[in-house]
Amino acid sequence: MLNAHFGTDIAAMTDRWNETLRCPKCGKTGVATVYQGTTDDSPSIEHVPDGFKVVRTQYGPNFHCAACGVAVDP
């Protein structure tokens, strides 16, 4: 029999994933780490690679190339 302990508070579960970023203008690439708890309205950023910045919007965070100032392709 397999026993697994998931904790007592299911609402505290968090999804974590990586987003591959690429600037459509200069071609710079990087990987950002994003997470979202089950009770969060939008994702949060754990790690932003060098050369990129986070721009907050009403729909959640977006990534932009820090050098070019344009939105990156996910």
Protein backbone atom coordinates (compact mmCIF):
# COMPACT_ATOMS: atom_id res chain seq x y z
CA MET A 1 0.00 0.00 0.00
CA LEU A 2 1.32 3.43 -0.97
CA ASN A 3 0.94 6.19 1.61
CA ALA A 4 1.57 9.78 0.63
CA HIS A 5 1.37 12.82 2.87
CA PHE A 6 0.15 15.94 1.12
CA GLY A 7 -0.32 18.09 4.20
CA THR A 8 -3.53 19.12 5.86
CA ASP A 9 -4.08 22.37 3.96
CA ILE A 10 -4.82 21.71 0.28
CA ALA A 11 -5.28 25.47 -0.31
CA ALA A 12 -1.55 25.96 0.38
CA MET A 13 -0.49 23.97 -2.70
CA THR A 14 1.67 25.85 -5.18
CA ASP A 15 2.35 25.26 -8.88
CA ARG A 16 5.84 26.20 -10.07
CA TRP A 17 7.03 26.27 -13.68
CA ASN A 18 9.70 27.72 -15.97
CA GLU A 19 9.03 30.15 -18.81
CA THR A 20 11.52 30.28 -21.67
CA LEU A 21 11.90 33.91 -22.77
CA ARG A 22 13.13 35.27 -26.10
CA CYS A 23 13.33 38.88 -27.20
CA PRO A 24 11.86 39.23 -30.72
CA LYS A 25 14.09 42.24 -31.41
CA CYS A 26 17.60 41.27 -30.22
CA GLY A 27 17.22 37.50 -29.77
CA LYS A 28 18.32 37.43 -26.11
CA THR A 29 17.05 34.31 -24.29
CA GLY A 30 16.60 33.23 -20.69
CA VAL A 31 14.48 31.14 -18.35
CA ALA A 32 12.22 32.66 -15.69
CA THR A 33 10.72 30.74 -12.77
CA VAL A 34 7.08 31.45 -11.99
CA TYR A 35 4.76 30.15 -9.26
CA GLN A 36 1.12 30.41 -8.30
CA GLY A 37 -0.65 29.20 -5.19
CA THR A 38 -4.14 27.78 -5.48
CA THR A 39 -5.55 30.85 -3.72
CA ASP A 40 -3.52 33.43 -5.71
CA ASP A 41 -5.25 35.56 -8.34
CA SER A 42 -2.20 35.76 -10.59
CA PRO A 43 1.27 34.20 -10.83
CA SER A 44 4.30 35.55 -8.98
CA ILE A 45 7.89 35.61 -10.19
CA GLU A 46 10.57 33.67 -8.33
CA HIS A 47 13.48 34.29 -10.73
CA VAL A 48 14.03 36.71 -13.63
CA PRO A 49 17.09 36.02 -15.81
CA ASP A 50 19.67 38.75 -16.41
CA GLY A 51 18.66 41.08 -19.21
CA PHE A 52 14.92 40.80 -18.59
CA LYS A 53 12.48 42.68 -16.37
CA VAL A 54 8.97 42.09 -15.05
CA VAL A 55 6.19 44.48 -15.98
CA ARG A 56 3.08 44.22 -13.79
CA THR A 57 -0.30 44.42 -15.55
CA GLN A 58 -3.87 44.04 -14.34
CA TYR A 59 -3.80 40.47 -15.73
CA GLY A 60 -0.53 39.47 -14.06
CA PRO A 61 3.18 39.83 -14.73
CA ASN A 62 4.69 40.12 -18.23
CA PHE A 63 8.35 39.92 -19.22
CA HIS A 64 10.20 42.56 -21.25
CA CYS A 65 13.74 42.71 -22.60
CA ALA A 66 15.60 45.20 -20.40
CA ALA A 67 17.77 46.43 -23.31
CA CYS A 68 15.11 46.74 -26.02
CA GLY A 69 12.11 47.53 -23.81
CA VAL A 70 9.82 45.22 -25.80
CA ALA A 71 7.60 42.38 -24.62
CA VAL A 72 9.29 39.01 -25.00
CA ASP A 73 7.96 35.87 -26.62
CA PRO A 74 7.13 33.14 -24.09
